[in-house]
Protein backbone atom coordinates (compact mmCIF):
# COMPACT_ATOMS: atom_id res chain seq x y z
CA MET A 1 23.76 18.15 29.90
CA TYR A 2 24.35 15.14 27.72
CA ARG A 3 21.41 13.29 29.08
CA THR A 4 19.20 16.22 28.52
CA HIS A 5 20.32 16.68 24.93
CA LEU A 6 19.45 12.89 24.22
CA SER A 7 16.08 13.27 26.00
CA LYS A 8 15.33 16.24 23.87
CA LYS A 9 16.12 14.24 20.72
CA PHE A 10 14.24 11.24 22.01
CA ASN A 11 11.06 13.43 22.54
CA ILE A 12 11.24 14.95 19.22
CA GLY A 13 11.64 11.58 17.51
CA ILE A 14 8.54 10.30 19.43
CA LEU A 15 6.61 13.42 18.26
CA ARG A 16 7.61 12.87 14.83
CA MET A 17 6.75 9.11 14.94
CA ASN A 18 3.46 9.87 16.41
CA ARG A 19 2.65 12.37 13.68
CA LYS A 20 3.57 9.92 10.93
CA PHE A 21 1.34 7.27 12.53
CA PHE A 22 -1.48 9.94 12.77
CA ASP A 23 -1.02 11.00 9.12
CA PHE A 24 -1.06 7.37 8.05
CA TRP A 25 -4.30 6.80 10.12
CA ILE A 26 -5.93 9.83 8.58
CA PHE A 27 -4.84 8.82 5.03
CA SER A 28 -6.03 5.30 5.53
CA LEU A 29 -9.61 6.70 6.18
CA LYS A 30 -9.49 8.41 2.78
CA GLY A 31 -8.82 5.11 0.95
CA TYR A 32 -5.67 3.39 -0.17
CA ALA A 33 -5.39 5.19 -3.52
CA ALA A 34 -5.87 8.73 -2.07
CA ALA A 35 -3.47 7.99 0.66
CA ALA A 36 -0.74 6.76 -1.57
CA LYS A 37 -1.22 9.92 -3.76
CA GLU A 38 -1.12 12.19 -0.74
CA TRP A 39 2.29 10.52 0.37
CA ASN A 40 3.56 10.73 -3.19
CA SER A 41 2.68 14.52 -3.23
CA LYS A 42 4.44 14.99 0.21
CA GLY A 43 7.46 13.23 -1.23
CA LYS A 44 7.60 15.39 -4.31
CA LYS A 45 7.35 18.62 -2.12
CA PHE A 46 10.17 17.31 0.03
CA ALA A 47 12.31 16.40 -3.12
CA GLU A 48 11.70 19.89 -4.62
CA GLU A 49 12.93 21.31 -1.26
CA GLY A 50 16.04 19.15 -1.37
CA GLU A 51 14.93 17.04 1.60
CA LEU A 52 15.65 13.71 -0.15
CA LEU A 53 15.72 11.56 2.95
CA GLU A 54 12.15 12.66 3.75
CA ALA A 55 11.03 12.36 0.12
CA LEU A 56 12.36 8.71 0.18
CA GLU A 57 10.38 7.97 3.24
CA CYS A 58 7.26 9.43 1.83
CA PHE A 59 7.62 7.51 -1.39
CA THR A 60 8.18 4.36 0.51
CA MET A 61 5.06 4.96 2.60
CA ALA A 62 3.03 5.50 -0.61
CA ILE A 63 4.29 2.29 -1.98
CA SER A 64 3.55 0.35 1.25
CA ILE A 65 0.01 1.70 1.24
CA GLU A 66 -0.64 1.06 -2.49
CA PRO A 67 1.90 -1.39 -4.00
CA CYS A 68 0.47 -0.94 -7.52
CA TYR A 69 0.97 2.98 -7.68
CA GLY A 70 3.69 3.12 -10.33
CA GLU A 71 4.35 6.92 -9.87
CA SER A 72 5.61 6.34 -6.38
CA TYR A 73 8.13 3.80 -7.54
CA PHE A 74 9.19 6.21 -10.34
CA ASN A 75 9.78 9.05 -7.85
CA ARG A 76 11.40 6.90 -5.43
CA GLY A 77 13.73 5.65 -8.12
CA LYS A 78 14.64 9.29 -8.96
CA VAL A 79 15.70 9.78 -5.35
CA ASN A 80 17.66 6.55 -5.21
CA PHE A 81 19.46 7.54 -8.40
CA GLY A 82 20.32 10.80 -6.72
CA PHE A 83 21.84 8.82 -3.78
CA ALA A 84 23.83 6.76 -6.38
CA LYS A 85 21.76 3.65 -5.33
CA TYR A 86 21.58 2.50 -8.80
CA ASP A 87 20.40 -1.23 -8.22
CA GLU A 88 17.59 0.20 -6.09
CA ALA A 89 16.78 2.88 -8.71
CA LEU A 90 16.67 0.03 -11.42
CA ASN A 91 14.26 -1.92 -9.36
CA ASP A 92 11.98 1.01 -8.62
CA TYR A 93 11.94 1.96 -12.40
CA GLU A 94 11.23 -1.44 -13.41
CA ALA A 95 8.31 -1.66 -10.80
CA ALA A 96 7.03 1.53 -12.00
CA TYR A 97 6.81 0.33 -15.47
CA GLN A 98 5.29 -3.01 -14.47
CA ASN A 99 2.64 -1.03 -12.49
CA GLY A 100 1.64 1.00 -15.52
CA TYR A 101 3.88 4.03 -15.28
CA GLU A 102 5.31 4.43 -18.72
CA LYS A 103 8.03 6.82 -17.79
CA GLY A 104 9.56 4.17 -15.80
CA TYR A 105 10.58 1.99 -18.85
CA ASP A 106 12.62 4.79 -20.44
CA SER A 107 14.44 5.51 -17.17
CA TYR A 108 14.98 1.90 -16.75
CA ARG A 109 16.63 1.59 -20.14
CA GLU A 110 18.80 4.64 -19.66
CA LEU A 111 20.05 3.53 -16.25
CA LEU A 112 20.74 -0.01 -17.51
CA LYS A 113 22.93 1.54 -20.22
CA LEU A 114 24.72 3.83 -17.85
CA HIS A 115 25.12 1.49 -14.71
CA LYS A 116 25.35 -1.90 -16.20
CA GLY A 117 26.69 -1.25 -19.74
CA ILE A 118 23.86 -3.19 -21.16
CA LEU A 119 22.57 -2.07 -24.67
CA ILE A 120 18.94 -2.56 -25.16
């Protein structure tokens, strides 16, 4: 019974991994910018549904596809903030701003005030 349970979990993990690879492959055919936007949109949907781990994976995938896509950094920062990973959130907000996403700067400043006690 224990072996069967592990086997089912393993098979589901393989299917999920294959699906992610397939999604990545399809999105890469569309172009990097479009693929990053798709993963960012998927992450937003997961976040709205309360599936924060999945959202975090999607935002990270978007960043790995297009490292200059500031909105994905911003969204990942919000999820990291929700998980109380303040240093990661700070890094993401800073990267969002450096990549042209203006909302990242305000969030960065506010989090610095709250988490580090730094007045800007």
